[in-house]
Protein backbone atom coordinates (compact mmCIF):
# COMPACT_ATOMS: atom_id res chain seq x y z
CA UNK A 1 -1.85 3.13 24.69
CA UNK A 2 -1.30 1.59 21.22
CA UNK A 3 1.45 -0.63 20.34
CA UNK A 4 3.71 2.28 18.94
CA UNK A 5 3.32 3.70 22.64
CA UNK A 6 1.27 6.43 21.02
CA UNK A 7 -1.90 7.79 23.06
CA UNK A 8 -5.25 6.88 21.28
CA UNK A 9 -6.59 10.26 21.04
CA UNK A 10 -3.53 11.36 19.65
CA UNK A 11 -4.06 8.92 16.80
CA UNK A 12 -7.92 9.16 15.99
CA UNK A 13 -7.64 11.89 13.61
CA UNK A 14 -4.98 10.18 11.70
CA UNK A 15 -6.06 6.88 11.91
CA UNK A 16 -10.18 8.02 10.60
CA UNK A 17 -8.35 9.90 7.85
CA UNK A 18 -6.52 6.62 6.66
CA UNK A 19 -9.43 4.48 7.00
CA UNK A 20 -11.68 6.57 4.96
CA UNK A 21 -9.15 6.95 2.30
CA UNK A 22 -8.71 3.09 2.44
CA UNK A 23 -12.38 2.66 2.26
CA UNK A 24 -12.21 4.94 -0.71
CA UNK A 25 -9.95 3.48 -2.57
CA UNK A 26 -11.79 0.13 -2.00
CA UNK A 27 -14.48 1.46 -3.76
CA UNK A 28 -12.71 2.80 -7.01
CA UNK A 29 -10.96 -0.43 -7.46
CA UNK A 30 -14.70 -2.11 -6.97
CA UNK A 31 -15.77 -0.17 -9.72
CA UNK A 32 -12.93 -0.60 -12.37
CA UNK A 33 -13.40 -4.72 -11.53
CA UNK A 34 -16.70 -4.61 -12.38
CA UNK A 35 -16.73 -2.05 -14.96
CA UNK A 36 -14.20 -3.65 -17.06
CA UNK A 37 -15.51 -2.07 -20.40
CA UNK A 38 -15.26 1.37 -18.53
CA UNK A 39 -12.79 4.21 -17.56
CA UNK A 40 -13.00 4.98 -13.94
CA UNK A 41 -12.28 8.68 -13.03
CA UNK A 42 -10.64 8.74 -9.35
CA UNK A 43 -11.05 12.06 -7.10
CA UNK A 44 -12.82 14.05 -10.07
CA UNK A 45 -15.61 16.40 -9.48
CA UNK A 46 -16.63 13.36 -7.12
CA UNK A 47 -14.69 10.61 -5.87
CA UNK A 48 -15.51 8.39 -8.27
CA UNK A 49 -16.73 8.76 -11.81
CA UNK A 50 -17.79 5.71 -14.43
CA UNK A 51 -19.04 7.19 -17.65
CA UNK A 52 -21.62 9.90 -16.24
CA UNK A 53 -22.65 8.53 -13.22
CA UNK A 54 -20.51 9.95 -9.88
CA UNK A 55 -20.43 8.71 -6.41
CA UNK A 56 -19.03 9.70 -3.54
CA UNK A 57 -17.55 7.58 -0.74
CA UNK A 58 -18.47 7.88 2.88
CA UNK A 59 -17.49 5.43 5.84
CA UNK A 60 -18.96 5.99 9.28
CA UNK A 61 -19.30 3.71 12.12
CA UNK A 62 -21.99 5.36 13.76
CA UNK A 63 -25.81 5.40 12.96
CA UNK A 64 -27.38 7.17 9.49
CA UNK A 65 -28.92 10.27 9.65
CA UNK A 66 -29.91 13.01 7.31
CA UNK A 67 -27.35 15.28 8.95
CA UNK A 68 -24.39 13.17 8.22
CA UNK A 69 -24.96 13.28 4.71
CA UNK A 70 -25.68 16.78 4.04
CA UNK A 71 -22.20 17.92 2.86
CA UNK A 72 -21.94 15.30 0.34
CA UNK A 73 -25.95 15.78 -1.04
CA UNK A 74 -25.23 19.57 -1.06
CA UNK A 75 -21.95 19.12 -3.26
CA UNK A 76 -23.83 16.82 -5.45
CA UNK A 77 -26.69 18.81 -6.03
CA UNK A 78 -24.70 21.79 -7.24
CA UNK A 79 -22.86 19.53 -10.04
CA UNK A 80 -26.56 18.17 -11.03
CA UNK A 81 -27.76 21.58 -11.10
CA UNK A 82 -25.20 22.13 -13.95
CA UNK A 83 -25.57 18.96 -15.90
CA UNK A 84 -28.83 17.41 -15.58
CA UNK A 85 -28.06 14.36 -17.64
CA UNK A 86 -25.35 12.88 -14.87
CA UNK A 87 -26.52 10.57 -12.24
CA UNK A 88 -25.16 10.40 -8.63
CA UNK A 89 -24.61 7.90 -5.63
CA UNK A 90 -23.92 8.43 -2.27
CA UNK A 91 -21.74 4.78 -1.40
CA UNK A 92 -21.52 4.77 2.24
CA UNK A 93 -21.20 2.34 5.40
CA UNK A 94 -23.30 3.29 8.18
CA UNK A 95 -23.44 0.91 11.40
CA UNK A 96 -27.22 0.71 11.80
CA UNK A 97 -28.06 0.19 7.92
CA UNK A 98 -27.58 -3.38 6.00
CA UNK A 99 -25.03 -3.60 3.10
CA UNK A 100 -26.82 -4.05 -0.05
CA UNK A 101 -30.00 -1.92 1.18
CA UNK A 102 -30.51 1.63 -0.98
CA UNK A 103 -32.56 4.81 -0.21
CA UNK A 104 -33.69 7.35 -2.42
CA UNK A 105 -34.57 10.64 -0.62
CA UNK A 106 -38.22 12.28 -0.73
CA UNK A 107 -38.38 16.33 -1.75
CA UNK A 108 -39.09 16.89 1.72
CA UNK A 109 -36.02 14.94 2.94
CA UNK A 110 -33.44 16.69 0.23
CA UNK A 111 -34.91 20.40 1.42
CA UNK A 112 -33.85 19.18 4.88
CA UNK A 113 -30.44 18.14 3.84
CA UNK A 114 -30.10 21.39 1.74
CA UNK A 115 -30.95 24.07 4.35
CA UNK A 116 -30.57 27.09 3.45
CA UNK A 117 -29.17 26.36 0.28
CA UNK A 118 -32.92 24.66 -0.89
CA UNK A 119 -34.08 28.04 -2.00
CA UNK A 120 -31.42 28.36 -4.71
CA UNK A 121 -32.67 25.23 -7.04
CA UNK A 122 -36.33 25.54 -8.47
CA UNK A 123 -38.55 23.01 -7.68
CA UNK A 124 -38.47 20.99 -10.86
CA UNK A 125 -34.67 20.63 -10.52
CA UNK A 126 -34.96 19.62 -7.08
CA UNK A 127 -37.81 17.07 -7.87
CA UNK A 128 -35.49 15.15 -10.99
CA UNK A 129 -32.87 15.43 -8.69
CA UNK A 130 -34.16 12.70 -6.22
CA UNK A 131 -34.65 11.00 -9.52
CA UNK A 132 -30.97 10.65 -10.19
CA UNK A 133 -29.56 10.22 -6.84
CA UNK A 134 -29.54 7.24 -4.53
CA UNK A 135 -27.71 6.33 -1.48
CA UNK A 136 -26.48 3.05 -1.29
CA UNK A 137 -25.19 1.42 1.97
CA UNK A 138 -22.00 -0.16 1.64
CA UNK A 139 -20.26 -2.98 4.07
CA UNK A 140 -17.50 -2.22 6.61
CA UNK A 141 -14.11 -1.63 5.32
CA UNK A 142 -13.24 -5.48 6.30
CA UNK A 143 -15.90 -7.04 4.26
CA UNK A 144 -15.15 -4.50 1.22
CA UNK A 145 -11.80 -5.36 1.39
CA UNK A 146 -12.57 -8.90 1.43
CA UNK A 147 -14.66 -8.67 -1.60
CA UNK A 148 -12.08 -6.74 -3.72
CA UNK A 149 -9.60 -9.43 -2.38
CA UNK A 150 -12.20 -12.06 -4.21
CA UNK A 151 -12.40 -10.08 -7.25
CA UNK A 152 -8.52 -9.61 -7.85
CA UNK A 153 -8.02 -13.07 -7.48
CA UNK A 154 -10.67 -13.74 -10.42
CA UNK A 155 -10.27 -10.90 -12.62
CA UNK A 156 -6.48 -10.84 -12.28
CA UNK A 157 -6.03 -14.34 -12.04
CA UNK A 158 -4.23 -14.23 -8.75
CA UNK A 159 -3.30 -17.49 -7.40
CA UNK A 160 -3.77 -16.79 -3.86
CA UNK A 161 -5.20 -14.24 -1.31
CA UNK A 162 -1.32 -13.38 -0.67
CA UNK A 163 -0.55 -12.36 -4.69
CA UNK A 164 -4.19 -10.65 -4.37
CA UNK A 165 -2.88 -8.45 -1.58
CA UNK A 166 0.48 -8.05 -4.03
CA UNK A 167 -1.61 -6.78 -6.89
CA UNK A 168 -3.90 -4.63 -3.99
CA UNK A 169 -0.39 -2.87 -3.42
CA UNK A 170 0.61 -2.31 -6.77
CA UNK A 171 -3.00 -0.66 -7.77
CA UNK A 172 -2.97 1.59 -4.43
CA UNK A 173 0.43 2.66 -5.51
CA UNK A 174 -0.56 3.53 -8.92
CA UNK A 175 -3.62 5.18 -8.30
CA UNK A 176 -2.24 7.50 -5.48
CA UNK A 177 0.37 8.39 -8.39
CA UNK A 178 -2.43 8.93 -10.65
CA UNK A 179 -4.26 11.64 -8.19
CA UNK A 180 -0.83 13.38 -6.89
CA UNK A 181 0.48 13.90 -10.58
CA UNK A 182 -2.82 14.34 -12.78
CA UNK A 183 -5.19 17.27 -12.89
CA UNK A 184 -8.75 16.83 -12.19
CA UNK A 185 -10.29 15.65 -14.99
CA UNK A 186 -7.60 13.50 -16.22
CA UNK A 187 -7.42 10.95 -13.30
CA UNK A 188 -9.13 8.07 -15.18
CA UNK A 189 -7.99 4.76 -15.15
CA UNK A 190 -9.32 1.47 -16.86
CA UNK A 191 -9.43 -2.26 -16.11
CA UNK A 192 -6.80 -2.51 -19.23
CA UNK A 193 -4.02 -0.31 -17.23
CA UNK A 194 -4.50 -2.83 -14.39
CA UNK A 195 -3.76 -5.98 -16.03
CA UNK A 196 -0.76 -3.97 -17.97
CA UNK A 197 0.30 -3.00 -14.30
CA UNK A 198 0.44 -6.01 -12.84
CA UNK A 199 1.89 -7.49 -15.56
CA UNK A 200 4.91 -5.01 -15.64
CA UNK A 201 5.38 -3.39 -12.54
CA UNK A 202 8.71 -3.36 -10.92
CA UNK A 203 7.40 -1.99 -7.82
CA UNK A 204 5.33 -2.63 -4.38
CA UNK A 205 4.53 -0.97 -1.31
CA UNK A 206 3.07 -2.55 1.30
CA UNK A 207 1.86 0.28 3.69
CA UNK A 208 0.98 0.66 7.36
CA UNK A 209 -2.65 0.84 6.01
CA UNK A 210 -2.82 -3.01 5.61
CA UNK A 211 -1.81 -3.65 9.12
CA UNK A 212 -3.89 -1.43 10.25
CA UNK A 213 -7.09 -2.87 9.13
CA UNK A 214 -5.90 -6.47 8.47
CA UNK A 215 -4.92 -7.08 11.88
CA UNK A 216 -0.94 -7.03 12.12
CA UNK A 217 -0.56 -10.62 12.49
CA UNK A 218 -2.73 -11.31 9.44
CA UNK A 219 -0.93 -8.98 7.67
CA UNK A 220 2.54 -10.49 8.61
CA UNK A 221 0.97 -13.85 7.20
CA UNK A 222 -0.26 -12.77 4.02
CA UNK A 223 3.33 -11.32 3.80
CA UNK A 224 5.03 -14.57 4.65
CA UNK A 225 2.85 -16.54 2.48
CA UNK A 226 3.90 -14.12 -0.42
CA UNK A 227 7.76 -14.19 -0.09
CA UNK A 228 7.12 -18.28 0.32
CA UNK A 229 5.54 -18.25 -3.07
CA UNK A 230 8.56 -16.71 -4.44
CA UNK A 231 11.27 -18.57 -5.95
CA UNK A 232 14.44 -18.28 -3.88
CA UNK A 233 16.58 -21.24 -5.41
CA UNK A 234 17.14 -19.20 -8.56
CA UNK A 235 20.90 -18.93 -10.20
CA UNK A 236 22.27 -15.76 -10.33
CA UNK A 237 19.25 -14.07 -8.69
CA UNK A 238 21.00 -10.78 -6.65
CA UNK A 239 19.41 -9.59 -3.94
CA UNK A 240 19.55 -6.45 -1.64
CA UNK A 241 17.72 -6.10 1.67
CA UNK A 242 17.24 -2.84 3.42
CA UNK A 243 15.83 -2.89 6.83
CA UNK A 244 15.26 0.08 8.82
CA UNK A 245 16.34 -0.05 12.33
CA UNK A 246 14.51 1.82 15.67
CA UNK A 247 16.21 3.20 18.51
CA UNK A 248 16.95 0.68 21.11
CA UNK A 249 17.36 -2.17 18.63
CA UNK A 250 19.68 -4.92 20.36
CA UNK A 251 22.49 -5.53 18.20
CA UNK A 252 21.98 -9.57 18.40
CA UNK A 253 18.39 -8.68 16.65
CA UNK A 254 20.62 -7.52 13.77
CA UNK A 255 22.97 -10.66 13.80
CA UNK A 256 19.88 -13.17 13.88
CA UNK A 257 18.30 -11.12 11.00
CA UNK A 258 21.57 -11.32 8.72
CA UNK A 259 21.72 -14.87 9.31
CA UNK A 260 18.01 -15.48 8.58
CA UNK A 261 18.57 -13.86 5.05
CA UNK A 262 21.65 -15.86 4.95
CA UNK A 263 20.35 -19.14 5.67
CA UNK A 264 17.24 -18.21 3.47
CA UNK A 265 18.55 -16.75 -0.02
CA UNK A 266 22.65 -18.09 -0.09
CA UNK A 267 21.06 -21.27 -1.53
CA UNK A 268 22.57 -23.46 -4.53
CA UNK A 269 24.15 -21.11 -6.91
CA UNK A 270 21.98 -18.16 -5.86
CA UNK A 271 24.47 -14.94 -5.03
CA UNK A 272 25.14 -14.10 -1.35
CA UNK A 273 22.52 -11.57 -0.34
CA UNK A 274 23.10 -8.14 0.49
CA UNK A 275 22.18 -6.46 3.35
CA UNK A 276 22.07 -2.81 4.57
CA UNK A 277 20.78 -1.55 8.46
CA UNK A 278 19.65 1.67 7.68
CA UNK A 279 19.64 3.93 10.87
CA UNK A 280 22.71 1.94 12.22
CA UNK A 281 25.15 5.13 12.02
CA UNK A 282 28.28 2.91 13.52
CA UNK A 283 28.61 -0.71 11.99
CA UNK A 284 31.48 -1.72 14.14
CA UNK A 285 29.19 -3.21 17.17
CA UNK A 286 27.61 -5.17 14.83
CA UNK A 287 30.47 -6.53 12.83
CA UNK A 288 32.11 -7.32 15.94
CA UNK A 289 28.52 -9.23 17.14
CA UNK A 290 28.65 -10.98 13.70
CA UNK A 291 32.20 -12.26 13.81
CA UNK A 292 31.49 -13.65 17.39
CA UNK A 293 28.78 -15.35 16.28
CA UNK A 294 30.42 -17.08 13.35
CA UNK A 295 28.35 -15.07 10.97
CA UNK A 296 31.05 -14.50 8.41
CA UNK A 297 30.51 -11.22 5.60
CA UNK A 298 32.11 -9.36 3.11
CA UNK A 299 31.82 -5.24 3.68
CA UNK A 300 33.54 -3.97 0.54
CA UNK A 301 36.91 -3.13 2.71
CA UNK A 302 39.86 -5.03 1.44
CA UNK A 303 41.78 -4.36 3.84
CA UNK A 304 41.72 -2.51 7.34
CA UNK A 305 42.00 1.23 7.05
CA UNK A 306 41.13 1.11 2.98
CA UNK A 307 38.61 2.99 1.50
CA UNK A 308 35.24 1.19 0.86
CA UNK A 309 35.18 -0.03 -2.56
CA UNK A 310 31.96 -1.20 -4.15
CA UNK A 311 33.54 -3.37 -6.99
CA UNK A 312 35.15 -5.69 -4.36
CA UNK A 313 31.65 -6.17 -2.07
CA UNK A 314 29.85 -7.10 -5.44
CA UNK A 315 32.46 -9.44 -6.75
CA UNK A 316 34.61 -10.31 -3.69
CA UNK A 317 37.47 -12.42 -4.49
CA UNK A 318 37.37 -16.12 -3.71
CA UNK A 319 33.19 -16.13 -3.45
CA UNK A 320 33.21 -14.38 -0.05
CA UNK A 321 31.39 -15.78 2.96
CA UNK A 322 27.57 -15.85 1.61
CA UNK A 323 26.72 -12.52 3.07
CA UNK A 324 27.38 -8.80 2.03
CA UNK A 325 27.05 -6.40 4.64
CA UNK A 326 26.57 -2.92 3.20
CA UNK A 327 26.70 0.57 5.27
CA UNK A 328 23.72 2.31 4.10
CA UNK A 329 25.74 5.58 3.63
CA UNK A 330 27.26 3.95 0.70
CA UNK A 331 24.18 2.14 -1.00
CA UNK A 332 23.87 4.40 -3.78
CA UNK A 333 27.63 3.21 -5.21
CA UNK A 334 26.71 -0.65 -4.55
CA UNK A 335 23.22 -0.02 -6.68
CA UNK A 336 25.34 1.57 -9.45
CA UNK A 337 27.77 -1.44 -9.25
CA UNK A 338 25.62 -4.47 -9.13
CA UNK A 339 22.57 -5.28 -11.25
CA UNK A 340 20.28 -6.07 -8.45
CA UNK A 341 17.23 -8.65 -9.59
CA UNK A 342 15.30 -7.54 -6.22
CA UNK A 343 15.76 -4.74 -3.85
CA UNK A 344 13.41 -5.59 -0.52
CA UNK A 345 13.14 -2.28 1.72
CA UNK A 346 11.80 -2.84 5.15
CA UNK A 347 10.61 0.05 6.88
CA UNK A 348 9.37 1.59 10.20
CA UNK A 349 8.15 5.15 8.93
CA UNK A 350 9.14 6.18 5.55
CA UNK A 351 10.10 3.86 2.68
CA UNK A 352 13.88 4.11 1.27
CA UNK A 353 13.93 5.70 -2.19
CA UNK A 354 12.93 3.56 -4.72
CA UNK A 355 16.88 2.72 -6.29
CA UNK A 356 17.74 3.35 -9.64
CA UNK A 357 17.97 -0.73 -10.91
CA UNK A 358 16.19 -2.76 -13.60
CA UNK A 359 15.32 -5.04 -10.72
CA UNK A 360 12.14 -5.26 -8.88
CA UNK A 361 11.54 -3.59 -5.48
CA UNK A 362 9.45 -4.02 -2.77
CA UNK A 363 8.71 -1.74 -0.01
CA UNK A 364 7.13 -3.53 2.96
CA UNK A 365 5.80 -1.50 6.28
CA UNK A 366 6.98 -3.35 9.43
CA UNK A 367 6.47 -2.38 13.21
CA UNK A 368 9.92 -3.77 14.48
CA UNK A 369 13.20 -5.00 12.26
CA UNK A 370 12.69 -8.52 14.07
CA UNK A 371 9.51 -9.12 12.10
CA UNK A 372 11.53 -9.99 9.21
CA UNK A 373 11.93 -13.12 10.51
CA UNK A 374 8.47 -13.73 10.60
CA UNK A 375 8.01 -13.04 7.40
CA UNK A 376 11.04 -14.27 5.62
CA UNK A 377 12.23 -17.29 7.81
């Protein structure tokens, strides 16, 4: 069984799909960082394209054999037959091949890989393809990820691994958006785009994939470093925290989370933090537990039996109690009323919709709500 109680055999397909995408994404990012003067095409006719050089990416934790690369080579051969000026590489990780090594196919090996389709191409085309194609053996996911972080620190002047991880999350979301919103042939990104992105971006998504391959404890440490590096004692910085709560979460855990947020962010002249627990349908038990614990709060209800008043929770008369508790069903009206500088969404399954705010937003994957204390405290 896994951490979340799902049998490993049920997760293997999704796990390897996520890992394969993450490996391909980092390979694309490496090409961007290593070719700063060129545009890089992602998910075009091949996985990666730099000028007229095309790359397919494969990550295999098994031994190398011709049969393992046949499909990729067949696709590249078909593209080469249509454009003999192009060059190709298969960037792949195999457990028995040293990173940095390369390999060129012999004509006989190419015939074996092409199989029945070999007769489709004349000998001249096949011979020239062997000179235009090479296999580049890559490091495993972990080592490649470390290389990416190192290059991000250098190229984008990240001050720490945690800041490099933040940039990695920004770029990951950006490249995914490029793939989803642009047609094949128009999915191009430059290093200049990355610099612009990290200097102006308002949101970042830290996905479960980071935790899968970095290890969850290391993932939490990187997040903790990122939050520690963020200035909290800033006057007039209004923050909203959205926390997704799973079934079976004890109400006292939510009290502890709310208390931690108040202690950390209600400092000096900073406004009281807003907190909304997504997945809690009835806040009565939580409010009762908070009052019994001496954790006072404002909730947008001026008097018993009143309707929710977003103006009242945003600008509480008398300054309030240093903590704003918001029903998630009322979150849109609060966002429309308050000018949040920061929105922090801690989610278990899917991120909350990005708020319509001019402030920055973070979407952070966690395994359980109480992990917030390991990040924030």
